[in-house]
Amino acid sequence: MKIGALFAGIGGLELGLERAGVGHTVWQVEIDPYCRRVLAQHWPDALRFTDLREVGAHNLPPVDVMCGGFPCQDISYAGKGDGLTGSRSGLWHEFARLIGEMGPGYVVVENVSALLARGLDAVLGTLSDLGYDAEWSTLCAFHVGAPHRRERIFIIAWKQALADGHGRRCEGVAQFHRGTPCSPAIGHSLGRYTGGRDGEVGHAASGIHPGWADAVPVRGADGTVRLIPREAARGGPQSALWPVAHGIPGRVARLRTIGNAVVPQCAEVVGRRLMEVATDLATSDVTGSA
């Protein structure tokens, strides 16, 4: 599939999707010039655009998957809490505009886990209004073997028409995948987003969510136990972040871009789940209902 990336940063999200076999990146939108230079080095054949507000169906080639992690400053608990009305996180509405204009088959959204309490209902409501079903989960960097937390929420959305060969609207608006924070564990609650705008997200009966929950308990040096993906448990510990910029040119820019980046290994987990969704949609008449 063809992938288009918004808020591309240094490409962590699209890199993970590509590693999962989702497809190849054909364009990227990123306003930071340093990040664009990094993107140009790793995706020399992709088109690049600077300002999200100046792109659309008139100048972006069609894609099958549109992905992006819109700014988190107004959503994060470290900020003032303006949410989706803030000047930075409010760029979600530009993201939504592009989804509506271009109609990709799949959408992948990333943000800080605070979105669960500061706007997830509005994001899902907008996706529903645009004709998409969705499911979501939180993942941490340490789930894939990195030595830091970086808890993020990932949303996978798909066109409702894809779930029905006749284009009928699926009854299930969205599927809720809830686990304890930073623990993609074995048992989760599955539920359905109701489409309401009152800040409430419903959840239904308990169940097991395939694809996201292949985790095993690992005991750390301090005696604590955490759940990490099975494949990560096979590998050893990875180095800390600081050496990547110590004593070399561009230290500040490198640290800033890494701080804003999506962990590619997390994005790869999401990409594998997206492929499972795509397979399910291709082989069943209705998806998303309990």
Protein backbone atom coordinates (compact mmCIF):
# COMPACT_ATOMS: atom_id res chain seq x y z
CA MET A 1 0.00 0.00 0.00
CA LYS A 2 1.05 3.61 -0.48
CA ILE A 3 1.74 5.52 2.74
CA GLY A 4 1.48 9.28 3.29
CA ALA A 5 2.88 10.78 6.50
CA LEU A 6 1.76 13.96 8.26
CA PHE A 7 3.81 15.54 11.08
CA ALA A 8 6.50 13.16 9.84
CA GLY A 9 9.33 14.24 12.16
CA ILE A 10 12.24 11.95 11.36
CA GLY A 11 10.01 9.19 10.03
CA GLY A 12 9.65 6.80 12.97
CA LEU A 13 5.99 6.06 12.28
CA GLU A 14 6.33 5.35 8.57
CA LEU A 15 9.56 3.40 9.16
CA GLY A 16 7.74 1.04 11.52
CA LEU A 17 4.80 0.63 9.13
CA GLU A 18 7.20 -0.20 6.31
CA ARG A 19 9.04 -2.74 8.47
CA ALA A 20 5.70 -4.42 9.19
CA GLY A 21 5.12 -4.84 5.46
CA VAL A 22 2.30 -2.30 5.20
CA GLY A 23 3.76 -0.63 2.10
CA HIS A 24 6.06 2.19 1.01
CA THR A 25 6.07 5.92 1.78
CA VAL A 26 5.26 8.20 -1.15
CA TRP A 27 5.02 11.60 0.60
CA GLN A 28 5.81 13.25 3.92
CA VAL A 29 4.71 16.57 5.43
CA GLU A 30 7.07 18.11 8.00
CA ILE A 31 7.65 21.77 8.90
CA ASP A 32 11.04 21.41 10.64
CA PRO A 33 13.94 21.85 8.17
CA TYR A 34 16.36 19.65 10.13
CA CYS A 35 13.81 16.82 10.15
CA ARG A 36 13.23 17.24 6.42
CA ARG A 37 16.95 16.75 5.81
CA VAL A 38 16.82 13.49 7.76
CA LEU A 39 13.76 12.38 5.81
CA ALA A 40 15.45 13.21 2.51
CA GLN A 41 18.38 10.98 3.40
CA HIS A 42 16.24 7.96 4.22
CA TRP A 43 13.35 8.45 1.76
CA PRO A 44 15.03 10.10 -1.24
CA ASP A 45 12.23 9.14 -3.61
CA ALA A 46 9.34 10.42 -1.46
CA LEU A 47 7.77 13.81 -2.05
CA ARG A 48 8.14 16.28 0.81
CA PHE A 49 5.94 19.20 1.80
CA THR A 50 6.47 21.83 4.48
CA ASP A 51 3.16 23.21 5.74
CA LEU A 52 0.23 20.96 6.56
CA ARG A 53 -2.18 23.84 6.00
CA GLU A 54 -1.06 24.22 2.39
CA VAL A 55 -1.48 20.63 1.23
CA GLY A 56 -4.52 18.68 0.19
CA ALA A 57 -6.06 16.63 -2.58
CA HIS A 58 -4.88 19.29 -5.04
CA ASN A 59 -1.18 18.56 -4.52
CA LEU A 60 -0.84 15.29 -2.56
CA PRO A 61 -0.91 12.00 -4.49
CA PRO A 62 -3.58 9.53 -3.30
CA VAL A 63 -2.48 7.05 -0.63
CA ASP A 64 -3.91 3.91 0.95
CA VAL A 65 -2.64 4.69 4.46
CA MET A 66 -2.42 8.18 5.97
CA CYS A 67 -0.46 8.33 9.22
CA GLY A 68 0.69 11.00 11.63
CA GLY A 69 1.31 12.00 15.22
CA PHE A 70 -0.23 15.45 15.59
CA PRO A 71 1.29 17.85 18.17
CA CYS A 72 0.78 16.89 21.80
CA GLN A 73 1.67 20.12 23.62
CA ASP A 74 -1.95 21.09 24.38
CA ILE A 75 -2.90 17.52 25.30
CA SER A 76 0.07 16.55 27.48
CA TYR A 77 -0.36 16.82 31.25
CA ALA A 78 2.79 18.95 31.21
CA GLY A 79 0.92 21.65 29.26
CA LYS A 80 -1.99 23.95 30.03
CA GLY A 81 -4.61 21.46 28.93
CA ASP A 82 -6.17 23.40 26.06
CA GLY A 83 -6.68 20.11 24.26
CA LEU A 84 -7.87 20.08 20.68
CA THR A 85 -8.72 23.77 20.89
CA GLY A 86 -5.07 24.67 21.44
CA SER A 87 -2.95 26.25 18.74
CA ARG A 88 -0.68 23.18 18.46
CA SER A 89 -2.86 20.15 19.15
CA GLY A 90 -5.66 21.87 17.27
CA LEU A 91 -3.80 20.87 14.11
CA TRP A 92 -5.73 17.62 14.48
CA HIS A 93 -8.48 19.43 12.58
CA GLU A 94 -6.12 19.86 9.62
CA PHE A 95 -5.34 16.15 9.85
CA ALA A 96 -9.08 15.47 9.76
CA ARG A 97 -9.53 17.83 6.82
CA LEU A 98 -6.99 15.84 4.81
CA ILE A 99 -8.65 12.55 5.73
CA GLY A 100 -11.94 13.93 4.47
CA GLU A 101 -10.43 15.33 1.27
CA MET A 102 -8.37 12.30 0.32
CA GLY A 103 -10.32 9.40 1.79
CA PRO A 104 -7.49 6.92 2.46
CA GLY A 105 -8.54 3.36 3.19
CA TYR A 106 -6.66 3.38 6.50
CA VAL A 107 -5.56 6.03 9.00
CA VAL A 108 -3.00 5.67 11.80
CA VAL A 109 -2.95 8.35 14.51
CA GLU A 110 -0.36 8.67 17.27
CA ASN A 111 -0.24 10.91 20.35
CA VAL A 112 0.55 10.94 24.06
CA SER A 113 -1.61 8.71 26.22
CA ALA A 114 -3.17 11.80 27.86
CA LEU A 115 -5.37 11.93 24.75
CA LEU A 116 -7.44 9.21 26.46
CA ALA A 117 -8.75 11.90 28.83
CA ARG A 118 -8.19 14.99 26.69
CA GLY A 119 -9.85 14.51 23.36
CA LEU A 120 -10.07 10.85 22.34
CA ASP A 121 -13.87 11.09 22.17
CA ALA A 122 -13.63 14.06 19.79
CA VAL A 123 -11.01 12.35 17.60
CA LEU A 124 -13.10 9.18 17.35
CA GLY A 125 -16.25 11.20 16.76
CA THR A 126 -14.59 13.03 13.88
CA LEU A 127 -13.34 9.79 12.37
CA SER A 128 -16.85 8.36 12.64
CA ASP A 129 -18.32 11.44 10.96
CA LEU A 130 -15.81 10.96 8.14
CA GLY A 131 -16.93 7.36 7.69
CA TYR A 132 -14.28 5.43 9.62
CA ASP A 133 -14.33 2.72 12.26
CA ALA A 134 -11.40 2.53 14.67
CA GLU A 135 -9.60 0.66 17.41
CA TRP A 136 -6.83 1.86 19.69
CA SER A 137 -4.29 0.89 22.31
CA THR A 138 -1.43 2.34 24.35
CA LEU A 139 2.14 1.14 23.89
CA CYS A 140 5.35 2.05 25.71
CA ALA A 141 8.89 2.15 24.40
CA PHE A 142 9.98 -0.36 27.03
CA HIS A 143 7.46 -2.84 25.65
CA VAL A 144 9.75 -3.18 22.63
CA GLY A 145 13.01 -3.25 24.59
CA ALA A 146 13.93 0.45 24.78
CA PRO A 147 15.23 1.78 28.13
CA HIS A 148 12.58 4.45 28.56
CA ARG A 149 8.81 4.75 29.03
CA ARG A 150 7.37 6.96 26.27
CA GLU A 151 3.75 5.85 26.63
CA ARG A 152 1.75 6.62 23.49
CA ILE A 153 -1.70 5.93 22.14
CA PHE A 154 -2.10 4.57 18.62
CA ILE A 155 -5.37 4.60 16.70
CA ILE A 156 -6.00 2.43 13.65
CA ALA A 157 -9.00 3.53 11.59
CA TRP A 158 -10.45 2.09 8.41
CA LYS A 159 -13.16 3.12 5.99
CA GLN A 160 -16.48 1.64 7.01
CA ALA A 161 -17.17 0.83 3.37
CA LEU A 162 -14.19 -1.53 3.38
CA ALA A 163 -16.01 -3.72 5.89
CA ASP A 164 -18.95 -4.25 3.56
CA GLY A 165 -18.68 -4.98 -0.13
CA HIS A 166 -21.93 -3.11 -0.74
CA GLY A 167 -20.80 0.03 1.05
CA ARG A 168 -23.26 -0.33 3.91
CA ARG A 169 -22.34 1.38 7.18
CA CYS A 170 -21.08 -1.03 9.84
CA GLU A 171 -23.04 -1.03 13.08
CA GLY A 172 -19.91 -0.92 15.25
CA VAL A 173 -18.53 2.62 15.27
CA ALA A 174 -15.26 1.82 16.98
CA GLN A 175 -13.68 -0.95 18.97
CA PHE A 176 -12.13 -0.04 22.31
CA HIS A 177 -9.01 -1.88 23.40
CA ARG A 178 -8.37 -1.03 27.04
CA GLY A 179 -5.57 -2.36 29.23
CA THR A 180 -3.72 -1.13 32.26
CA PRO A 181 -1.43 1.81 31.39
CA CYS A 182 1.75 0.67 29.64
CA SER A 183 0.75 -3.00 29.80
CA PRO A 184 -0.49 -4.63 26.59
CA ALA A 185 -1.54 -7.60 28.66
CA ILE A 186 -3.33 -10.84 27.91
CA GLY A 187 -6.88 -9.91 28.95
CA HIS A 188 -8.45 -6.66 27.79
CA SER A 189 -11.88 -5.11 27.62
CA LEU A 190 -13.38 -4.65 24.21
CA GLY A 191 -15.99 -2.00 23.66
CA ARG A 192 -17.57 0.35 21.20
CA TYR A 193 -17.31 4.08 20.82
CA THR A 194 -20.84 5.44 20.77
CA GLY A 195 -20.18 8.55 18.71
CA GLY A 196 -21.28 10.87 21.51
CA ARG A 197 -19.43 14.13 22.21
CA ASP A 198 -19.82 14.14 25.99
CA GLY A 199 -16.32 12.90 26.72
CA GLU A 200 -17.48 9.38 27.57
CA VAL A 201 -16.11 6.30 25.85
CA GLY A 202 -18.07 3.12 26.43
CA HIS A 203 -16.68 -0.33 26.92
CA ALA A 204 -18.30 -3.73 26.84
CA ALA A 205 -17.51 -7.32 27.71
CA SER A 206 -14.09 -8.67 28.54
CA GLY A 207 -12.14 -10.39 25.80
CA ILE A 208 -8.75 -11.03 24.26
CA HIS A 209 -7.50 -8.77 21.52
CA PRO A 210 -5.27 -10.60 19.04
CA GLY A 211 -2.22 -8.93 17.61
CA TRP A 212 -1.59 -6.35 20.34
CA ALA A 213 -1.33 -8.63 23.33
CA ASP A 214 1.44 -11.14 22.61
CA ALA A 215 3.30 -10.24 25.80
CA VAL A 216 5.37 -12.10 28.36
CA PRO A 217 6.37 -11.12 31.92
CA VAL A 218 10.03 -10.15 32.36
CA ARG A 219 11.71 -9.48 35.75
CA GLY A 220 14.14 -6.57 35.73
CA ALA A 221 17.32 -6.09 37.74
CA ASP A 222 15.36 -4.19 40.39
CA GLY A 223 13.00 -7.12 40.90
CA THR A 224 9.98 -5.53 39.22
CA VAL A 225 8.03 -7.45 36.60
CA ARG A 226 6.70 -5.90 33.42
CA LEU A 227 5.03 -7.24 30.30
CA ILE A 228 6.89 -6.85 27.02
CA PRO A 229 6.26 -8.31 23.55
CA ARG A 230 7.49 -11.85 23.15
CA GLU A 231 9.96 -10.96 20.40
CA ALA A 232 11.50 -8.21 22.56
CA ALA A 233 11.97 -10.66 25.42
CA ARG A 234 14.29 -12.72 23.22
CA GLY A 235 16.74 -9.84 22.78
CA GLY A 236 19.06 -8.17 25.27
CA PRO A 237 18.86 -4.68 26.73
CA GLN A 238 19.45 -1.77 24.41
CA SER A 239 21.71 1.21 25.01
CA ALA A 240 20.45 4.41 26.59
CA LEU A 241 19.54 7.42 24.45
CA TRP A 242 22.21 9.93 25.40
CA PRO A 243 25.17 8.59 23.31
CA VAL A 244 23.41 9.38 20.01
CA ALA A 245 24.19 13.09 20.39
CA HIS A 246 27.13 13.23 22.78
CA GLY A 247 30.06 15.22 21.39
CA ILE A 248 28.89 15.40 17.77
CA PRO A 249 27.51 18.27 15.63
CA GLY A 250 23.80 19.03 15.73
CA ARG A 251 23.42 17.78 19.30
CA VAL A 252 20.44 19.98 20.19
CA ALA A 253 18.60 19.26 16.95
CA ARG A 254 19.24 15.54 17.25
CA LEU A 255 17.96 15.39 20.82
CA ARG A 256 14.89 17.44 19.90
CA THR A 257 13.99 15.22 16.97
CA ILE A 258 14.50 12.04 18.99
CA GLY A 259 12.37 13.47 21.79
CA ASN A 260 9.55 14.11 19.34
CA ALA A 261 9.95 10.88 17.39
CA VAL A 262 7.75 7.79 17.30
CA VAL A 263 9.64 4.66 18.34
CA PRO A 264 9.81 2.64 15.09
CA GLN A 265 9.51 -0.69 16.91
CA CYS A 266 6.20 0.46 18.43
CA ALA A 267 5.02 1.60 15.02
CA GLU A 268 5.97 -1.82 13.66
CA VAL A 269 3.64 -3.48 16.21
CA VAL A 270 0.89 -1.13 15.04
CA GLY A 271 1.69 -1.93 11.42
CA ARG A 272 1.36 -5.66 12.04
CA ARG A 273 -2.03 -5.05 13.63
CA LEU A 274 -3.07 -2.90 10.66
CA MET A 275 -2.22 -5.78 8.35
CA GLU A 276 -4.35 -8.10 10.46
CA VAL A 277 -7.25 -5.63 10.21
CA ALA A 278 -6.78 -5.40 6.45
CA THR A 279 -6.83 -9.19 6.17
CA ASP A 280 -9.97 -9.41 8.31
CA LEU A 281 -11.71 -6.79 6.19
CA ALA A 282 -10.83 -8.67 3.03
CA THR A 283 -12.24 -11.95 4.33
CA SER A 284 -15.35 -10.94 6.31
CA ASP A 285 -18.55 -9.06 5.58
CA VAL A 286 -18.80 -7.08 8.80
CA THR A 287 -16.03 -5.87 11.13
CA GLY A 288 -16.21 -3.91 14.35
CA SER A 289 -19.36 -5.34 15.94
CA ALA A 290 -19.14 -7.29 19.18
